[in-house]
Amino acid sequence: MSSPQQTISIAGENSLIVYFGDKPGAAIASQVAQTAQQLRESLSQVLIDLIPSYASLLVIYNPLQTDHNAVRKSIRHALSNLTDDENNESNKGQTQGVIK
């Protein structure tokens, strides 16, 4: 079984989208929800909206207060925390997801 991959792509002039995998499921839904919560906390001052779906999360931010690079860095940080938390909780020796 392959490990889940998270990718971050530009979705517009003030938004990025995070893809958590190809197939929706309970594990991916949990990752989307946990990442959204972490981003609400870390980007609260610049965040316009977070739009979750079954296997992705659209992050819309105020471009007058930040840029793609800073938001991408916050997303990567949230994803690395998510991966670490899952590995510590499950302790099943699964590989970490690839973050692009």
PDB file of N, CA and C in Angstrom:
ATOM      1  N   MET A   1       0.832  -1.169   0.000  1.00  0.00           N
ATOM      2  CA  MET A   1       0.000   0.000   0.000  1.00  0.00           C
ATOM      3  C   MET A   1       0.880   1.235   0.000  1.00  0.00           C
ATOM      4  N   SER A   2       0.586   2.222  -0.855  1.00  0.00           N
ATOM      5  CA  SER A   2       1.411   3.417  -0.918  1.00  0.00           C
ATOM      6  C   SER A   2       1.007   4.390   0.184  1.00  0.00           C
ATOM      7  N   SER A   3       1.980   5.216   0.582  1.00  0.00           N
ATOM      8  CA  SER A   3       1.698   6.199   1.628  1.00  0.00           C
ATOM      9  C   SER A   3       0.915   7.357   1.040  1.00  0.00           C
ATOM     10  N   PRO A   4       0.089   8.019   1.854  1.00  0.00           N
ATOM     11  CA  PRO A   4      -0.672   9.155   1.359  1.00  0.00           C
ATOM     12  C   PRO A   4       0.269  10.303   1.023  1.00  0.00           C
ATOM     13  N   GLN A   5      -0.099  11.084   0.026  1.00  0.00           N
ATOM     14  CA  GLN A   5       0.705  12.228  -0.359  1.00  0.00           C
ATOM     15  C   GLN A   5      -0.120  13.489  -0.236  1.00  0.00           C
ATOM     16  N   GLN A   6       0.473  14.504   0.352  1.00  0.00           N
ATOM     17  CA  GLN A   6      -0.160  15.809   0.396  1.00  0.00           C
ATOM     18  C   GLN A   6       0.594  16.703  -0.572  1.00  0.00           C
ATOM     19  N   THR A   7      -0.143  17.410  -1.414  1.00  0.00           N
ATOM     20  CA  THR A   7       0.471  18.368  -2.320  1.00  0.00           C
ATOM     21  C   THR A   7      -0.184  19.727  -2.111  1.00  0.00           C
ATOM     22  N   ILE A   8       0.607  20.761  -2.279  1.00  0.00           N
ATOM     23  CA  ILE A   8       0.131  22.126  -2.141  1.00  0.00           C
ATOM     24  C   ILE A   8       0.271  22.795  -3.497  1.00  0.00           C
ATOM     25  N   SER A   9      -0.827  23.358  -4.003  1.00  0.00           N
ATOM     26  CA  SER A   9      -0.828  24.009  -5.311  1.00  0.00           C
ATOM     27  C   SER A   9      -1.443  25.398  -5.212  1.00  0.00           C
ATOM     28  N   ILE A  10      -1.023  26.273  -6.116  1.00  0.00           N
ATOM     29  CA  ILE A  10      -1.624  27.599  -6.199  1.00  0.00           C
ATOM     30  C   ILE A  10      -3.019  27.443  -6.794  1.00  0.00           C
ATOM     31  N   ALA A  11      -4.011  28.051  -6.142  1.00  0.00           N
ATOM     32  CA  ALA A  11      -5.397  27.970  -6.614  1.00  0.00           C
ATOM     33  C   ALA A  11      -5.900  29.316  -7.113  1.00  0.00           C
ATOM     34  N   GLY A  12      -5.166  30.366  -6.858  1.00  0.00           N
ATOM     35  CA  GLY A  12      -5.558  31.713  -7.277  1.00  0.00           C
ATOM     36  C   GLY A  12      -4.570  32.712  -6.738  1.00  0.00           C
ATOM     37  N   GLU A  13      -4.831  34.000  -6.978  1.00  0.00           N
ATOM     38  CA  GLU A  13      -3.886  35.023  -6.538  1.00  0.00           C
ATOM     39  C   GLU A  13      -3.806  35.150  -5.025  1.00  0.00           C
ATOM     40  N   ASN A  14      -4.832  34.662  -4.322  1.00  0.00           N
ATOM     41  CA  ASN A  14      -4.815  34.730  -2.859  1.00  0.00           C
ATOM     42  C   ASN A  14      -5.236  33.411  -2.227  1.00  0.00           C
ATOM     43  N   SER A  15      -4.906  32.306  -2.890  1.00  0.00           N
ATOM     44  CA  SER A  15      -5.318  31.021  -2.323  1.00  0.00           C
ATOM     45  C   SER A  15      -4.379  29.889  -2.743  1.00  0.00           C
ATOM     46  N   LEU A  16      -4.306  28.932  -1.850  1.00  0.00           N
ATOM     47  CA  LEU A  16      -3.585  27.680  -2.090  1.00  0.00           C
ATOM     48  C   LEU A  16      -4.541  26.538  -1.784  1.00  0.00           C
ATOM     49  N   ILE A  17      -4.320  25.398  -2.449  1.00  0.00           N
ATOM     50  CA  ILE A  17      -5.144  24.225  -2.162  1.00  0.00           C
ATOM     51  C   ILE A  17      -4.226  23.073  -1.780  1.00  0.00           C
ATOM     52  N   VAL A  18      -4.625  22.366  -0.754  1.00  0.00           N
ATOM     53  CA  VAL A  18      -3.879  21.212  -0.274  1.00  0.00           C
ATOM     54  C   VAL A  18      -4.667  19.966  -0.649  1.00  0.00           C
ATOM     55  N   TYR A  19      -4.027  19.074  -1.396  1.00  0.00           N
ATOM     56  CA  TYR A  19      -4.638  17.788  -1.747  1.00  0.00           C
ATOM     57  C   TYR A  19      -4.060  16.723  -0.824  1.00  0.00           C
ATOM     58  N   PHE A  20      -4.934  15.941  -0.210  1.00  0.00           N
ATOM     59  CA  PHE A  20      -4.517  14.944   0.770  1.00  0.00           C
ATOM     60  C   PHE A  20      -4.444  13.528   0.211  1.00  0.00           C
ATOM     61  N   GLY A  21      -4.922  13.312  -0.965  1.00  0.00           N
ATOM     62  CA  GLY A  21      -4.892  11.989  -1.563  1.00  0.00           C
ATOM     63  C   GLY A  21      -5.895  11.891  -2.687  1.00  0.00           C
ATOM     64  N   ASP A  22      -5.927  10.735  -3.326  1.00  0.00           N
ATOM     65  CA  ASP A  22      -6.813  10.523  -4.471  1.00  0.00           C
ATOM     66  C   ASP A  22      -8.204  10.044  -4.076  1.00  0.00           C
ATOM     67  N   LYS A  23      -8.275   9.297  -2.984  1.00  0.00           N
ATOM     68  CA  LYS A  23      -9.551   8.691  -2.591  1.00  0.00           C
ATOM     69  C   LYS A  23      -9.991   9.217  -1.229  1.00  0.00           C
ATOM     70  N   PRO A  24     -11.198   9.765  -1.150  1.00  0.00           N
ATOM     71  CA  PRO A  24     -11.687  10.222   0.156  1.00  0.00           C
ATOM     72  C   PRO A  24     -11.925   9.048   1.099  1.00  0.00           C
ATOM     73  N   GLY A  25     -11.786   9.287   2.362  1.00  0.00           N
ATOM     74  CA  GLY A  25     -12.017   8.263   3.371  1.00  0.00           C
ATOM     75  C   GLY A  25     -11.930   8.892   4.748  1.00  0.00           C
ATOM     76  N   ALA A  26     -12.142   8.103   5.761  1.00  0.00           N
ATOM     77  CA  ALA A  26     -12.156   8.604   7.136  1.00  0.00           C
ATOM     78  C   ALA A  26     -10.804   9.184   7.543  1.00  0.00           C
ATOM     79  N   ALA A  27      -9.712   8.522   7.167  1.00  0.00           N
ATOM     80  CA  ALA A  27      -8.380   9.008   7.538  1.00  0.00           C
ATOM     81  C   ALA A  27      -8.089  10.348   6.873  1.00  0.00           C
ATOM     82  N   ILE A  28      -8.438  10.480   5.613  1.00  0.00           N
ATOM     83  CA  ILE A  28      -8.192  11.732   4.899  1.00  0.00           C
ATOM     84  C   ILE A  28      -9.098  12.836   5.449  1.00  0.00           C
ATOM     85  N   ALA A  29     -10.346  12.523   5.739  1.00  0.00           N
ATOM     86  CA  ALA A  29     -11.255  13.512   6.322  1.00  0.00           C
ATOM     87  C   ALA A  29     -10.708  14.028   7.650  1.00  0.00           C
ATOM     88  N   SER A  30     -10.133  13.156   8.435  1.00  0.00           N
ATOM     89  CA  SER A  30      -9.538  13.546   9.707  1.00  0.00           C
ATOM     90  C   SER A  30      -8.333  14.458   9.482  1.00  0.00           C
ATOM     91  N   GLN A  31      -7.507  14.133   8.494  1.00  0.00           N
ATOM     92  CA  GLN A  31      -6.347  14.969   8.174  1.00  0.00           C
ATOM     93  C   GLN A  31      -6.784  16.366   7.731  1.00  0.00           C
ATOM     94  N   VAL A  32      -7.813  16.431   6.886  1.00  0.00           N
ATOM     95  CA  VAL A  32      -8.338  17.714   6.419  1.00  0.00           C
ATOM     96  C   VAL A  32      -8.815  18.540   7.617  1.00  0.00           C
ATOM     97  N   ALA A  33      -9.586  17.933   8.501  1.00  0.00           N
ATOM     98  CA  ALA A  33     -10.133  18.644   9.660  1.00  0.00           C
ATOM     99  C   ALA A  33      -9.032  19.119  10.606  1.00  0.00           C
ATOM    100  N   GLN A  34      -8.052  18.261  10.867  1.00  0.00           N
ATOM    101  CA  GLN A  34      -6.966  18.627  11.775  1.00  0.00           C
ATOM    102  C   GLN A  34      -6.101  19.733  11.185  1.00  0.00           C
ATOM    103  N   THR A  35      -5.835  19.655   9.893  1.00  0.00           N
ATOM    104  CA  THR A  35      -5.044  20.696   9.232  1.00  0.00           C
ATOM    105  C   THR A  35      -5.788  22.022   9.242  1.00  0.00           C
ATOM    106  N   ALA A  36      -7.088  21.984   8.963  1.00  0.00           N
ATOM    107  CA  ALA A  36      -7.899  23.202   8.994  1.00  0.00           C
ATOM    108  C   ALA A  36      -7.845  23.842  10.375  1.00  0.00           C
ATOM    109  N   GLN A  37      -7.951  23.062  11.418  1.00  0.00           N
ATOM    110  CA  GLN A  37      -7.907  23.591  12.781  1.00  0.00           C
ATOM    111  C   GLN A  37      -6.560  24.242  13.071  1.00  0.00           C
ATOM    112  N   GLN A  38      -5.481  23.583  12.689  1.00  0.00           N
ATOM    113  CA  GLN A  38      -4.156  24.151  12.921  1.00  0.00           C
ATOM    114  C   GLN A  38      -3.964  25.452  12.149  1.00  0.00           C
ATOM    115  N   LEU A  39      -4.466  25.499  10.908  1.00  0.00           N
ATOM    116  CA  LEU A  39      -4.324  26.718  10.102  1.00  0.00           C
ATOM    117  C   LEU A  39      -5.197  27.852  10.627  1.00  0.00           C
ATOM    118  N   ARG A  40      -6.365  27.531  11.159  1.00  0.00           N
ATOM    119  CA  ARG A  40      -7.206  28.567  11.779  1.00  0.00           C
ATOM    120  C   ARG A  40      -6.439  29.266  12.906  1.00  0.00           C
ATOM    121  N   GLU A  41      -5.683  28.486  13.643  1.00  0.00           N
ATOM    122  CA  GLU A  41      -4.912  29.045  14.755  1.00  0.00           C
ATOM    123  C   GLU A  41      -3.683  29.806  14.271  1.00  0.00           C
ATOM    124  N   SER A  42      -2.926  29.223  13.353  1.00  0.00           N
ATOM    125  CA  SER A  42      -1.656  29.830  12.942  1.00  0.00           C
ATOM    126  C   SER A  42      -1.821  30.986  11.954  1.00  0.00           C
ATOM    127  N   LEU A  43      -2.893  31.003  11.175  1.00  0.00           N
ATOM    128  CA  LEU A  43      -3.097  32.047  10.171  1.00  0.00           C
ATOM    129  C   LEU A  43      -4.273  32.968  10.501  1.00  0.00           C
ATOM    130  N   SER A  44      -4.688  32.986  11.729  1.00  0.00           N
ATOM    131  CA  SER A  44      -5.920  33.701  12.091  1.00  0.00           C
ATOM    132  C   SER A  44      -5.927  35.167  11.659  1.00  0.00           C
ATOM    133  N   GLN A  45      -4.789  35.825  11.681  1.00  0.00           N
ATOM    134  CA  GLN A  45      -4.727  37.250  11.340  1.00  0.00           C
ATOM    135  C   GLN A  45      -4.827  37.521   9.841  1.00  0.00           C
ATOM    136  N   VAL A  46      -4.485  36.542   9.000  1.00  0.00           N
ATOM    137  CA  VAL A  46      -4.449  36.767   7.545  1.00  0.00           C
ATOM    138  C   VAL A  46      -5.452  35.901   6.787  1.00  0.00           C
ATOM    139  N   LEU A  47      -6.115  35.025   7.488  1.00  0.00           N
ATOM    140  CA  LEU A  47      -7.019  34.065   6.859  1.00  0.00           C
ATOM    141  C   LEU A  47      -8.354  34.710   6.493  1.00  0.00           C
ATOM    142  N   ILE A  48      -8.788  34.491   5.265  1.00  0.00           N
ATOM    143  CA  ILE A  48     -10.117  34.918   4.836  1.00  0.00           C
ATOM    144  C   ILE A  48     -11.094  33.766   4.979  1.00  0.00           C
ATOM    145  N   ASP A  49     -10.700  32.569   4.500  1.00  0.00           N
ATOM    146  CA  ASP A  49     -11.595  31.411   4.584  1.00  0.00           C
ATOM    147  C   ASP A  49     -10.813  30.126   4.403  1.00  0.00           C
ATOM    148  N   LEU A  50     -11.342  29.055   4.966  1.00  0.00           N
ATOM    149  CA  LEU A  50     -10.864  27.694   4.745  1.00  0.00           C
ATOM    150  C   LEU A  50     -12.048  26.907   4.220  1.00  0.00           C
ATOM    151  N   ILE A  51     -11.858  26.240   3.093  1.00  0.00           N
ATOM    152  CA  ILE A  51     -12.949  25.484   2.499  1.00  0.00           C
ATOM    153  C   ILE A  51     -12.514  24.024   2.361  1.00  0.00           C
ATOM    154  N   PRO A  52     -12.971  23.172   3.280  1.00  0.00           N
ATOM    155  CA  PRO A  52     -12.608  21.757   3.208  1.00  0.00           C
ATOM    156  C   PRO A  52     -13.494  21.002   2.219  1.00  0.00           C
ATOM    157  N   SER A  53     -12.948  19.943   1.654  1.00  0.00           N
ATOM    158  CA  SER A  53     -13.732  19.005   0.852  1.00  0.00           C
ATOM    159  C   SER A  53     -13.364  17.606   1.324  1.00  0.00           C
ATOM    160  N   TYR A  54     -13.767  16.602   0.581  1.00  0.00           N
ATOM    161  CA  TYR A  54     -13.504  15.219   0.995  1.00  0.00           C
ATOM    162  C   TYR A  54     -12.022  14.889   1.039  1.00  0.00           C
ATOM    163  N   ALA A  55     -11.233  15.465   0.122  1.00  0.00           N
ATOM    164  CA  ALA A  55      -9.812  15.119   0.073  1.00  0.00           C
ATOM    165  C   ALA A  55      -8.918  16.331  -0.174  1.00  0.00           C
ATOM    166  N   SER A  56      -9.422  17.534   0.086  1.00  0.00           N
ATOM    167  CA  SER A  56      -8.607  18.732  -0.105  1.00  0.00           C
ATOM    168  C   SER A  56      -9.050  19.844   0.841  1.00  0.00           C
ATOM    169  N   LEU A  57      -8.207  20.874   0.901  1.00  0.00           N
ATOM    170  CA  LEU A  57      -8.502  22.033   1.735  1.00  0.00           C
ATOM    171  C   LEU A  57      -8.053  23.280   0.982  1.00  0.00           C
ATOM    172  N   LEU A  58      -9.002  24.170   0.687  1.00  0.00           N
ATOM    173  CA  LEU A  58      -8.699  25.435   0.031  1.00  0.00           C
ATOM    174  C   LEU A  58      -8.432  26.482   1.108  1.00  0.00           C
ATOM    175  N   VAL A  59      -7.282  27.145   1.014  1.00  0.00           N
ATOM    176  CA  VAL A  59      -6.866  28.150   1.986  1.00  0.00           C
ATOM    177  C   VAL A  59      -6.870  29.506   1.284  1.00  0.00           C
ATOM    178  N   ILE A  60      -7.757  30.397   1.704  1.00  0.00           N
ATOM    179  CA  ILE A  60      -7.863  31.727   1.108  1.00  0.00           C
ATOM    180  C   ILE A  60      -7.384  32.739   2.142  1.00  0.00           C
ATOM    181  N   TYR A  61      -6.448  33.585   1.735  1.00  0.00           N
ATOM    182  CA  TYR A  61      -5.828  34.518   2.656  1.00  0.00           C
ATOM    183  C   TYR A  61      -5.851  35.938   2.079  1.00  0.00           C
ATOM    184  N   ASN A  62      -5.569  36.916   2.930  1.00  0.00           N
ATOM    185  CA  ASN A  62      -5.531  38.311   2.525  1.00  0.00           C
ATOM    186  C   ASN A  62      -4.161  38.604   1.899  1.00  0.00           C
ATOM    187  N   PRO A  63      -4.097  38.857   0.588  1.00  0.00           N
ATOM    188  CA  PRO A  63      -2.806  39.074  -0.076  1.00  0.00           C
ATOM    189  C   PRO A  63      -2.152  40.408   0.294  1.00  0.00           C
ATOM    190  N   LEU A  64      -2.873  41.281   0.960  1.00  0.00           N
ATOM    191  CA  LEU A  64      -2.283  42.544   1.407  1.00  0.00           C
ATOM    192  C   LEU A  64      -1.510  42.371   2.716  1.00  0.00           C
ATOM    193  N   GLN A  65      -1.718  41.217   3.375  1.00  0.00           N
ATOM    194  CA  GLN A  65      -1.057  40.969   4.656  1.00  0.00           C
ATOM    195  C   GLN A  65      -0.020  39.857   4.598  1.00  0.00           C
ATOM    196  N   THR A  66      -0.045  39.017   3.559  1.00  0.00           N
ATOM    197  CA  THR A  66       0.893  37.901   3.456  1.00  0.00           C
ATOM    198  C   THR A  66       1.011  37.488   1.996  1.00  0.00           C
ATOM    199  N   ASP A  67       1.779  36.438   1.737  1.00  0.00           N
ATOM    200  CA  ASP A  67       1.948  35.962   0.368  1.00  0.00           C
ATOM    201  C   ASP A  67       1.934  34.435   0.320  1.00  0.00           C
ATOM    202  N   HIS A  68       2.009  33.905  -0.914  1.00  0.00           N
ATOM    203  CA  HIS A  68       1.977  32.450  -1.103  1.00  0.00           C
ATOM    204  C   HIS A  68       3.055  31.743  -0.290  1.00  0.00           C
ATOM    205  N   ASN A  69       4.249  32.289  -0.283  1.00  0.00           N
ATOM    206  CA  ASN A  69       5.353  31.610   0.389  1.00  0.00           C
ATOM    207  C   ASN A  69       5.132  31.471   1.890  1.00  0.00           C
ATOM    208  N   ALA A  70       4.664  32.527   2.520  1.00  0.00           N
ATOM    209  CA  ALA A  70       4.421  32.464   3.969  1.00  0.00           C
ATOM    210  C   ALA A  70       3.286  31.501   4.297  1.00  0.00           C
ATOM    211  N   VAL A  71       2.227  31.528   3.501  1.00  0.00           N
ATOM    212  CA  VAL A  71       1.096  30.626   3.744  1.00  0.00           C
ATOM    213  C   VAL A  71       1.510  29.183   3.479  1.00  0.00           C
ATOM    214  N   ARG A  72       2.260  28.959   2.408  1.00  0.00           N
ATOM    215  CA  ARG A  72       2.751  27.608   2.100  1.00  0.00           C
ATOM    216  C   ARG A  72       3.598  27.076   3.258  1.00  0.00           C
ATOM    217  N   LYS A  73       4.430  27.932   3.836  1.00  0.00           N
ATOM    218  CA  LYS A  73       5.258  27.529   4.980  1.00  0.00           C
ATOM    219  C   LYS A  73       4.376  27.111   6.163  1.00  0.00           C
ATOM    220  N   SER A  74       3.325  27.869   6.429  1.00  0.00           N
ATOM    221  CA  SER A  74       2.401  27.525   7.517  1.00  0.00           C
ATOM    222  C   SER A  74       1.682  26.211   7.240  1.00  0.00           C
ATOM    223  N   ILE A  75       1.306  25.994   5.987  1.00  0.00           N
ATOM    224  CA  ILE A  75       0.650  24.735   5.616  1.00  0.00           C
ATOM    225  C   ILE A  75       1.601  23.571   5.815  1.00  0.00           C
ATOM    226  N   ARG A  76       2.835  23.708   5.351  1.00  0.00           N
ATOM    227  CA  ARG A  76       3.826  22.630   5.524  1.00  0.00           C
ATOM    228  C   ARG A  76       4.030  22.318   7.007  1.00  0.00           C
ATOM    229  N   HIS A  77       4.088  23.355   7.811  1.00  0.00           N
ATOM    230  CA  HIS A  77       4.257  23.155   9.252  1.00  0.00           C
ATOM    231  C   HIS A  77       3.063  22.386   9.824  1.00  0.00           C
ATOM    232  N   ALA A  78       1.859  22.785   9.447  1.00  0.00           N
ATOM    233  CA  ALA A  78       0.656  22.086   9.921  1.00  0.00           C
ATOM    234  C   ALA A  78       0.661  20.627   9.475  1.00  0.00           C
ATOM    235  N   LEU A  79       1.066  20.377   8.234  1.00  0.00           N
ATOM    236  CA  LEU A  79       1.102  19.001   7.730  1.00  0.00           C
ATOM    237  C   LEU A  79       2.172  18.179   8.436  1.00  0.00           C
ATOM    238  N   SER A  80       3.306  18.786   8.745  1.00  0.00           N
ATOM    239  CA  SER A  80       4.350  18.028   9.447  1.00  0.00           C
ATOM    240  C   SER A  80       3.917  17.700  10.866  1.00  0.00           C
ATOM    241  N   ASN A  81       3.199  18.615  11.508  1.00  0.00           N
ATOM    242  CA  ASN A  81       2.656  18.324  12.838  1.00  0.00           C
ATOM    243  C   ASN A  81       1.617  17.224  12.774  1.00  0.00           C
ATOM    244  N   LEU A  82       0.791  17.263  11.746  1.00  0.00           N
ATOM    245  CA  LEU A  82      -0.237  16.240  11.557  1.00  0.00           C
ATOM    246  C   LEU A  82       0.399  14.872  11.382  1.00  0.00           C
ATOM    247  N   THR A  83       1.403  14.784  10.554  1.00  0.00           N
ATOM    248  CA  THR A  83       2.088  13.515  10.302  1.00  0.00           C
ATOM    249  C   THR A  83       2.735  13.001  11.575  1.00  0.00           C
ATOM    250  N   ASP A  84       3.418  13.888  12.316  1.00  0.00           N
ATOM    251  CA  ASP A  84       4.057  13.472  13.556  1.00  0.00           C
ATOM    252  C   ASP A  84       3.030  12.978  14.556  1.00  0.00           C
ATOM    253  N   ASP A  85       1.900  13.701  14.701  1.00  0.00           N
ATOM    254  CA  ASP A  85       0.858  13.298  15.639  1.00  0.00           C
ATOM    255  C   ASP A  85       0.296  11.929  15.277  1.00  0.00           C
ATOM    256  N   GLU A  86       0.043  11.698  13.989  1.00  0.00           N
ATOM    257  CA  GLU A  86      -0.520  10.423  13.572  1.00  0.00           C
ATOM    258  C   GLU A  86       0.452   9.288  13.830  1.00  0.00           C
ATOM    259  N   ASN A  87       1.736   9.517  13.534  1.00  0.00           N
ATOM    260  CA  ASN A  87       2.715   8.457  13.755  1.00  0.00           C
ATOM    261  C   ASN A  87       2.866   8.150  15.237  1.00  0.00           C
ATOM    262  N   ASN A  88       2.837   9.167  16.077  1.00  0.00           N
ATOM    263  CA  ASN A  88       2.959   8.940  17.517  1.00  0.00           C
ATOM    264  C   ASN A  88       1.748   8.204  18.072  1.00  0.00           C
ATOM    265  N   GLU A  89       0.555   8.538  17.576  1.00  0.00           N
ATOM    266  CA  GLU A  89      -0.665   7.907  18.085  1.00  0.00           C
ATOM    267  C   GLU A  89      -0.801   6.471  17.599  1.00  0.00           C
ATOM    268  N   SER A  90      -0.558   6.255  16.310  1.00  0.00           N
ATOM    269  CA  SER A  90      -0.797   4.920  15.765  1.00  0.00           C
ATOM    270  C   SER A  90       0.348   3.978  16.071  1.00  0.00           C
ATOM    271  N   ASN A  91       1.600   4.513  16.038  1.00  0.00           N
ATOM    272  CA  ASN A  91       2.791   3.714  16.311  1.00  0.00           C
ATOM    273  C   ASN A  91       2.803   2.427  15.504  1.00  0.00           C
ATOM    274  N   LYS A  92       2.398   2.527  14.230  1.00  0.00           N
ATOM    275  CA  LYS A  92       2.346   1.358  13.361  1.00  0.00           C
ATOM    276  C   LYS A  92       3.524   1.300  12.393  1.00  0.00           C
ATOM    277  N   GLY A  93       4.437   2.263  12.498  1.00  0.00           N
ATOM    278  CA  GLY A  93       5.607   2.259  11.637  1.00  0.00           C
ATOM    279  C   GLY A  93       5.292   2.639  10.197  1.00  0.00           C
ATOM    280  N   GLN A  94       4.211   3.351   9.970  1.00  0.00           N
ATOM    281  CA  GLN A  94       3.861   3.752   8.624  1.00  0.00           C
ATOM    282  C   GLN A  94       4.792   4.872   8.177  1.00  0.00           C
ATOM    283  N   THR A  95       4.995   4.987   6.859  1.00  0.00           N
ATOM    284  CA  THR A  95       5.818   6.061   6.333  1.00  0.00           C
ATOM    285  C   THR A  95       5.049   7.351   6.330  1.00  0.00           C
ATOM    286  N   GLN A  96       5.788   8.459   6.412  1.00  0.00           N
ATOM    287  CA  GLN A  96       5.169   9.767   6.405  1.00  0.00           C
ATOM    288  C   GLN A  96       4.755  10.121   4.981  1.00  0.00           C
ATOM    289  N   GLY A  97       3.743  10.972   4.879  1.00  0.00           N
ATOM    290  CA  GLY A  97       3.290  11.441   3.578  1.00  0.00           C
ATOM    291  C   GLY A  97       4.306  12.377   2.960  1.00  0.00           C
ATOM    292  N   VAL A  98       4.324  12.457   1.655  1.00  0.00           N
ATOM    293  CA  VAL A  98       5.227  13.326   0.933  1.00  0.00           C
ATOM    294  C   VAL A  98       4.568  14.687   0.804  1.00  0.00           C
ATOM    295  N   ILE A  99       5.291  15.727   1.155  1.00  0.00           N
ATOM    296  CA  ILE A  99       4.763  17.086   1.054  1.00  0.00           C
ATOM    297  C   ILE A  99       5.543  17.789  -0.037  1.00  0.00           C
ATOM    298  N   LYS A 100       4.836  18.211  -1.071  1.00  0.00           N
ATOM    299  CA  LYS A 100       5.479  18.883  -2.211  1.00  0.00           C
ATOM    300  C   LYS A 100       5.266  20.365  -2.133  1.00  0.00           C
TER     301      LYS A 100
END
